[in-house]
N, C-alpha and C. Protein backbone atom coordinates (compact mmCIF):
# COMPACT_ATOMS: atom_id res chain seq x y z
N UNK A 1 22.54 -5.40 0.36
CA UNK A 1 22.12 -3.85 0.27
C UNK A 1 21.35 -3.67 -0.29
N UNK A 2 20.52 -4.32 -1.32
CA UNK A 2 19.14 -3.75 -1.79
C UNK A 2 18.26 -4.00 -1.22
N UNK A 3 18.50 -5.05 -0.39
CA UNK A 3 17.00 -5.00 0.58
C UNK A 3 16.68 -4.19 1.40
N UNK A 4 18.09 -3.48 2.01
CA UNK A 4 17.86 -2.60 3.05
C UNK A 4 17.56 -1.23 2.39
N UNK A 5 18.05 -1.17 1.37
CA UNK A 5 17.77 0.16 0.89
C UNK A 5 16.08 0.37 0.25
N UNK A 6 15.70 -0.61 0.09
CA UNK A 6 13.86 -1.18 -0.11
C UNK A 6 13.35 -1.08 1.06
N UNK A 7 13.94 -1.56 1.62
CA UNK A 7 13.01 -1.68 3.24
C UNK A 7 12.90 0.06 3.61
N UNK A 8 13.76 0.55 3.39
CA UNK A 8 13.86 2.04 3.85
C UNK A 8 12.58 2.67 2.85
N UNK A 9 12.71 2.63 1.65
CA UNK A 9 11.80 2.88 0.77
C UNK A 9 10.14 2.17 0.86
N UNK A 10 10.21 1.28 1.29
CA UNK A 10 9.31 1.06 1.85
C UNK A 10 8.47 1.56 3.13
N UNK A 11 9.30 1.74 4.14
CA UNK A 11 9.12 2.74 5.26
C UNK A 11 8.49 3.85 4.80
N UNK A 12 9.14 4.89 3.96
CA UNK A 12 8.83 6.15 3.00
C UNK A 12 7.29 6.23 2.90
N UNK A 13 7.33 4.70 1.82
CA UNK A 13 5.91 5.32 1.48
C UNK A 13 4.65 4.41 2.58
N UNK A 14 5.44 3.87 3.59
CA UNK A 14 4.15 3.52 5.20
C UNK A 14 3.85 5.01 5.85
N UNK A 15 5.30 5.58 6.25
CA UNK A 15 4.86 7.18 6.30
C UNK A 15 4.17 7.46 5.37
N UNK A 16 3.76 7.95 4.16
CA UNK A 16 3.48 8.96 3.50
C UNK A 16 1.58 8.21 3.30
N UNK A 17 1.55 6.67 3.51
CA UNK A 17 0.22 6.51 4.01
C UNK A 17 -0.45 6.38 5.20
N UNK A 18 0.38 6.44 6.25
CA UNK A 18 -0.13 6.96 7.48
C UNK A 18 -0.33 8.68 7.44
N UNK A 19 -0.05 9.68 6.81
CA UNK A 19 -0.23 10.72 6.45
C UNK A 19 -1.59 11.46 5.25
N UNK A 20 -1.55 10.26 4.50
CA UNK A 20 -2.48 10.47 3.54
C UNK A 20 -3.96 9.90 4.59
N UNK A 21 -3.87 8.82 5.13
CA UNK A 21 -4.91 7.96 6.10
C UNK A 21 -5.22 9.00 7.23
N UNK A 22 -4.32 9.75 7.90
CA UNK A 22 -5.04 10.68 9.00
C UNK A 22 -5.62 11.69 8.52
N UNK A 23 -5.19 12.12 7.08
CA UNK A 23 -5.66 13.59 7.01
C UNK A 23 -6.92 13.40 6.24
N UNK A 24 -7.19 11.93 5.50
CA UNK A 24 -8.69 11.79 4.49
C UNK A 24 -9.90 11.19 4.84
N UNK A 25 -8.94 10.18 6.63
CA UNK A 25 -10.10 9.05 6.95
C UNK A 25 -11.43 9.37 7.18
N UNK A 26 -11.84 10.65 7.61
CA UNK A 26 -13.16 10.83 8.01
C UNK A 26 -13.54 11.03 6.94
N UNK A 27 -13.37 11.08 5.57
CA UNK A 27 -14.05 11.22 4.33
C UNK A 27 -14.30 10.28 3.55
N UNK A 28 -15.25 9.41 3.59
CA UNK A 28 -15.53 8.13 2.39
C UNK A 28 -15.19 8.28 1.44
N UNK A 29 -14.29 7.07 1.28
CA UNK A 29 -13.88 6.71 -0.18
C UNK A 29 -12.89 7.17 -0.72
N UNK A 30 -12.34 7.94 0.38
CA UNK A 30 -10.96 8.74 -0.03
C UNK A 30 -9.93 7.23 0.37
N UNK A 31 -10.08 6.15 0.22
CA UNK A 31 -9.24 5.19 0.24
C UNK A 31 -8.74 5.12 -1.05
N UNK A 32 -9.02 5.26 -1.99
CA UNK A 32 -8.72 5.64 -3.41
C UNK A 32 -7.20 6.39 -3.80
N UNK A 33 -6.90 7.56 -2.66
CA UNK A 33 -5.66 7.74 -2.78
C UNK A 33 -4.53 6.78 -2.39
N UNK A 34 -4.93 6.22 -1.34
CA UNK A 34 -3.84 5.14 -0.79
C UNK A 34 -3.71 4.34 -1.99
N UNK A 35 -4.84 3.43 -2.51
CA UNK A 35 -4.72 2.61 -3.84
C UNK A 35 -3.60 2.95 -4.93
N UNK A 36 -3.84 4.71 -5.34
CA UNK A 36 -2.92 5.50 -6.28
C UNK A 36 -1.62 4.90 -5.78
N UNK A 37 -1.37 5.47 -4.35
CA UNK A 37 -0.15 5.48 -3.52
C UNK A 37 0.39 4.02 -3.77
N UNK A 38 -0.30 2.95 -3.52
CA UNK A 38 0.28 1.95 -3.37
C UNK A 38 0.60 1.06 -4.99
N UNK A 39 0.11 1.29 -5.61
CA UNK A 39 0.39 1.34 -7.02
C UNK A 39 1.58 1.63 -7.32
N UNK A 40 1.99 3.39 -7.15
CA UNK A 40 2.93 3.81 -7.31
C UNK A 40 4.32 3.30 -6.79
N UNK A 41 4.13 2.59 -5.09
CA UNK A 41 5.17 1.92 -4.79
C UNK A 41 5.35 0.83 -5.42
N UNK A 42 4.46 -0.35 -5.66
CA UNK A 42 4.65 -1.30 -6.83
C UNK A 42 5.60 -1.35 -7.70
N UNK A 43 4.99 -0.07 -8.68
CA UNK A 43 5.53 -0.19 -10.00
C UNK A 43 7.48 0.57 -9.79
N UNK A 44 7.36 1.07 -8.65
CA UNK A 44 8.64 1.85 -8.00
C UNK A 44 9.57 0.62 -7.72
N UNK A 45 8.92 -0.13 -7.01
CA UNK A 45 9.81 -1.26 -6.05
C UNK A 45 10.15 -2.35 -7.27
N UNK A 46 9.45 -2.72 -8.41
CA UNK A 46 9.63 -3.35 -9.72
C UNK A 46 10.79 -3.11 -10.20
N UNK A 47 10.89 -1.24 -10.70
CA UNK A 47 11.86 -1.04 -11.49
C UNK A 47 13.16 -0.93 -10.48
N UNK A 48 13.26 -0.44 -9.03
CA UNK A 48 14.52 -0.89 -8.30
C UNK A 48 14.94 -2.14 -8.36
N UNK A 49 14.14 -3.37 -8.55
CA UNK A 49 14.71 -4.60 -8.49
C UNK A 49 15.13 -5.01 -9.77
N UNK A 50 15.27 -4.48 -10.49
CA UNK A 50 15.33 -4.73 -12.20
C UNK A 50 14.47 -5.45 -12.38
N UNK A 51 13.18 -5.50 -12.24
CA UNK A 51 11.71 -6.31 -12.88
C UNK A 51 11.59 -5.93 -14.03
N UNK A 52 11.52 -6.96 -15.30
CA UNK A 52 11.13 -6.38 -16.71
C UNK A 52 9.72 -6.56 -16.47
N UNK A 53 9.38 -4.78 -16.61
CA UNK A 53 8.45 -4.07 -16.39
C UNK A 53 7.23 -4.01 -17.79
N UNK A 54 7.58 -5.13 -18.73
CA UNK A 54 6.20 -4.79 -19.94
C UNK A 54 4.91 -4.78 -19.64
N UNK A 55 4.20 -4.62 -20.34
CA UNK A 55 2.63 -4.25 -19.86
C UNK A 55 1.77 -5.24 -19.15
N UNK A 56 1.81 -6.04 -19.76
CA UNK A 56 1.82 -7.57 -19.62
C UNK A 56 2.25 -7.99 -17.73
N UNK A 57 3.34 -7.80 -17.54
CA UNK A 57 4.12 -8.16 -16.60
C UNK A 57 3.21 -7.08 -15.52
N UNK A 58 3.66 -5.83 -15.88
CA UNK A 58 2.89 -4.76 -14.94
C UNK A 58 1.34 -5.25 -14.40
N UNK A 59 0.64 -5.58 -15.70
CA UNK A 59 -0.84 -5.43 -15.29
C UNK A 59 -0.56 -6.73 -14.22
N UNK A 60 -0.39 -7.90 -14.53
CA UNK A 60 -0.87 -9.22 -13.88
C UNK A 60 -0.11 -8.82 -11.98
N UNK A 61 1.19 -8.43 -12.27
CA UNK A 61 1.96 -8.07 -11.06
C UNK A 61 1.10 -7.17 -10.16
N UNK A 62 0.52 -6.14 -10.55
CA UNK A 62 -0.26 -5.03 -10.18
C UNK A 62 -1.63 -5.74 -9.56
N UNK A 63 -2.54 -5.43 -10.39
CA UNK A 63 -3.38 -5.96 -10.21
C UNK A 63 -3.16 -7.45 -9.15
N UNK A 64 -2.52 -8.37 -9.01
CA UNK A 64 -2.34 -9.38 -8.01
C UNK A 64 -2.49 -8.42 -6.81
N UNK A 65 -0.90 -8.49 -7.09
CA UNK A 65 -0.88 -7.75 -4.93
C UNK A 65 -1.96 -6.56 -4.38
N UNK A 66 -2.22 -5.89 -6.03
CA UNK A 66 -2.71 -4.67 -5.32
C UNK A 66 -4.57 -5.30 -4.93
N UNK A 67 -5.02 -5.96 -5.51
CA UNK A 67 -6.18 -6.69 -5.50
C UNK A 67 -6.37 -7.38 -3.47
N UNK A 68 -5.47 -8.14 -3.70
CA UNK A 68 -5.73 -8.87 -2.41
C UNK A 68 -5.29 -7.78 -1.59
N UNK A 69 -4.46 -6.86 -1.18
CA UNK A 69 -4.47 -5.72 -0.36
C UNK A 69 -5.69 -4.83 -0.26
N UNK A 70 -6.05 -4.45 -1.34
CA UNK A 70 -7.08 -3.24 -1.51
C UNK A 70 -8.73 -4.12 -1.10
N UNK A 71 -8.78 -5.02 -1.00
CA UNK A 71 -9.92 -6.11 -0.31
C UNK A 71 -9.91 -6.12 0.89
N UNK A 72 -8.55 -6.50 1.40
CA UNK A 72 -8.66 -6.26 3.15
C UNK A 72 -8.57 -5.41 3.34
N UNK A 73 -7.61 -4.37 2.98
CA UNK A 73 -7.59 -2.82 3.48
C UNK A 73 -9.18 -2.41 3.82
N UNK A 74 -9.66 -2.35 2.65
CA UNK A 74 -10.91 -1.61 2.59
C UNK A 74 -12.07 -2.34 3.17
N UNK A 75 -12.26 -3.65 3.56
CA UNK A 75 -12.83 -4.24 4.28
C UNK A 75 -12.84 -3.61 5.56
N UNK A 76 -11.46 -3.95 6.05
CA UNK A 76 -11.24 -3.28 7.81
C UNK A 76 -11.36 -2.33 7.72
N UNK A 77 -10.92 -1.28 7.19
CA UNK A 77 -11.52 0.16 7.31
C UNK A 77 -12.61 0.62 7.22
N UNK A 78 -13.37 0.29 5.92
CA UNK A 78 -14.87 1.10 6.37
C UNK A 78 -15.72 0.12 7.25
N UNK A 79 -15.08 -1.03 7.89
CA UNK A 79 -15.80 -1.63 9.06
C UNK A 79 -15.68 -0.77 10.42
N UNK A 80 -14.89 -0.59 10.34
CA UNK A 80 -14.11 0.70 11.60
C UNK A 80 -14.42 1.76 11.55
N UNK A 81 -15.43 2.39 10.08
CA UNK A 81 -14.95 3.69 10.20
C UNK A 81 -16.74 4.40 10.88
N UNK A 82 -17.13 2.92 11.07
CA UNK A 82 -18.53 3.55 12.12
C UNK A 82 -18.10 3.56 13.65
N UNK A 83 -16.97 3.58 14.25
CA UNK A 83 -17.19 4.09 15.53
C UNK A 83 -15.95 4.94 16.01
N UNK A 84 -16.59 6.24 16.14
CA UNK A 84 -16.34 7.50 15.90
C UNK A 84 -15.06 7.74 16.44
N UNK A 85 -13.86 8.26 16.14
CA UNK A 85 -12.79 8.40 17.00
C UNK A 85 -11.56 7.03 16.37
N UNK A 86 -12.65 5.65 17.43
CA UNK A 86 -11.38 4.58 17.39
C UNK A 86 -11.46 4.23 15.58
N UNK A 87 -12.18 4.76 15.09
CA UNK A 87 -12.60 4.30 13.61
C UNK A 87 -11.37 4.84 12.40
N UNK A 88 -11.13 6.19 13.16
CA UNK A 88 -10.18 7.38 12.43
C UNK A 88 -8.79 6.50 12.93
N UNK A 89 -8.09 6.42 14.05
CA UNK A 89 -7.07 5.66 14.22
C UNK A 89 -7.01 4.52 14.04
N UNK A 90 -7.85 3.73 13.78
CA UNK A 90 -7.95 2.12 12.85
C UNK A 90 -7.70 2.42 11.73
N UNK A 91 -8.25 3.03 11.19
CA UNK A 91 -7.94 3.13 9.63
C UNK A 91 -6.43 4.03 9.12
N UNK A 92 -5.69 4.87 10.00
CA UNK A 92 -4.88 5.53 9.75
C UNK A 92 -3.74 4.18 10.34
N UNK A 93 -3.35 3.15 11.49
CA UNK A 93 -3.24 1.93 11.44
C UNK A 93 -2.94 0.78 10.54
N UNK A 94 -4.43 0.86 9.81
CA UNK A 94 -4.47 -0.42 9.08
C UNK A 94 -3.73 -0.04 7.59
N UNK A 95 -3.93 1.80 7.65
CA UNK A 95 -3.61 1.71 6.10
C UNK A 95 -1.67 1.49 6.10
N UNK A 96 -1.28 2.38 7.13
CA UNK A 96 -0.35 1.90 7.22
C UNK A 96 0.86 0.39 7.11
N UNK A 97 -0.08 -0.68 8.31
CA UNK A 97 0.23 -2.23 8.57
C UNK A 97 0.36 -2.10 6.73
N UNK A 98 -0.95 -1.95 5.71
CA UNK A 98 -1.24 -2.73 4.71
C UNK A 98 -0.01 -2.29 3.75
N UNK A 99 0.17 -1.07 3.47
CA UNK A 99 1.11 0.04 2.92
C UNK A 99 2.47 -1.21 2.80
N UNK A 100 2.90 -1.41 4.56
CA UNK A 100 4.06 -1.84 4.52
C UNK A 100 4.07 -2.91 3.94
N UNK A 101 3.38 -4.32 4.70
CA UNK A 101 3.09 -5.26 4.50
C UNK A 101 3.26 -5.67 2.77
N UNK A 102 2.26 -4.89 1.93
CA UNK A 102 1.91 -4.62 0.52
C UNK A 102 3.74 -5.21 -0.21
N UNK A 103 4.45 -3.55 0.62
CA UNK A 103 5.54 -3.24 -0.16
C UNK A 103 6.19 -4.64 0.05
N UNK A 104 6.20 -4.98 1.25
CA UNK A 104 7.58 -5.84 2.00
C UNK A 104 6.99 -7.25 0.55
N UNK A 105 5.70 -7.30 0.38
CA UNK A 105 5.49 -8.67 -0.25
C UNK A 105 6.15 -8.45 -1.51
N UNK A 106 5.55 -7.04 -2.09
CA UNK A 106 6.20 -6.86 -3.44
C UNK A 106 7.59 -7.16 -3.81
N UNK A 107 8.52 -6.33 -2.91
CA UNK A 107 9.94 -6.37 -2.99
C UNK A 107 10.23 -8.32 -2.53
N UNK A 108 9.69 -8.70 -1.88
CA UNK A 108 10.04 -10.50 -2.35
C UNK A 108 9.41 -10.75 -3.47
N UNK A 109 8.40 -10.67 -3.68
CA UNK A 109 8.07 -10.89 -5.10
C UNK A 109 9.23 -10.51 -6.73
N UNK A 110 9.24 -9.61 -6.56
CA UNK A 110 10.25 -8.97 -7.87
C UNK A 110 11.84 -8.79 -7.45
N UNK A 111 11.79 -9.62 -6.22
CA UNK A 111 13.51 -9.72 -5.73
C UNK A 111 13.93 -10.75 -6.36
N UNK A 112 12.78 -11.82 -6.59
CA UNK A 112 13.25 -13.21 -7.02
C UNK A 112 13.75 -13.07 -8.34
């Protein structure tokens, strides 16, 4: 039951990421907004899974999960921004996919 509830939460964050990406994609450097959303989602999922959230575990977990996600997402988005139109659409899709997969990975990590 908890997994289903967390999937709904991940899908909500995915939708928010799509909206943020659609509104800010043409502006360079706005992927930091998505980074903030991803960190907020990680902490939220940790709390929902009753994960011990001391400062050390937050730092390690968030840094590891967010770092991998951000490096891959930013590389893809920045490369595709050079193509007008297509780059904007790809930025939205990439943002949504990475938030969804980051949420799924985070949920698996914290549920164990």
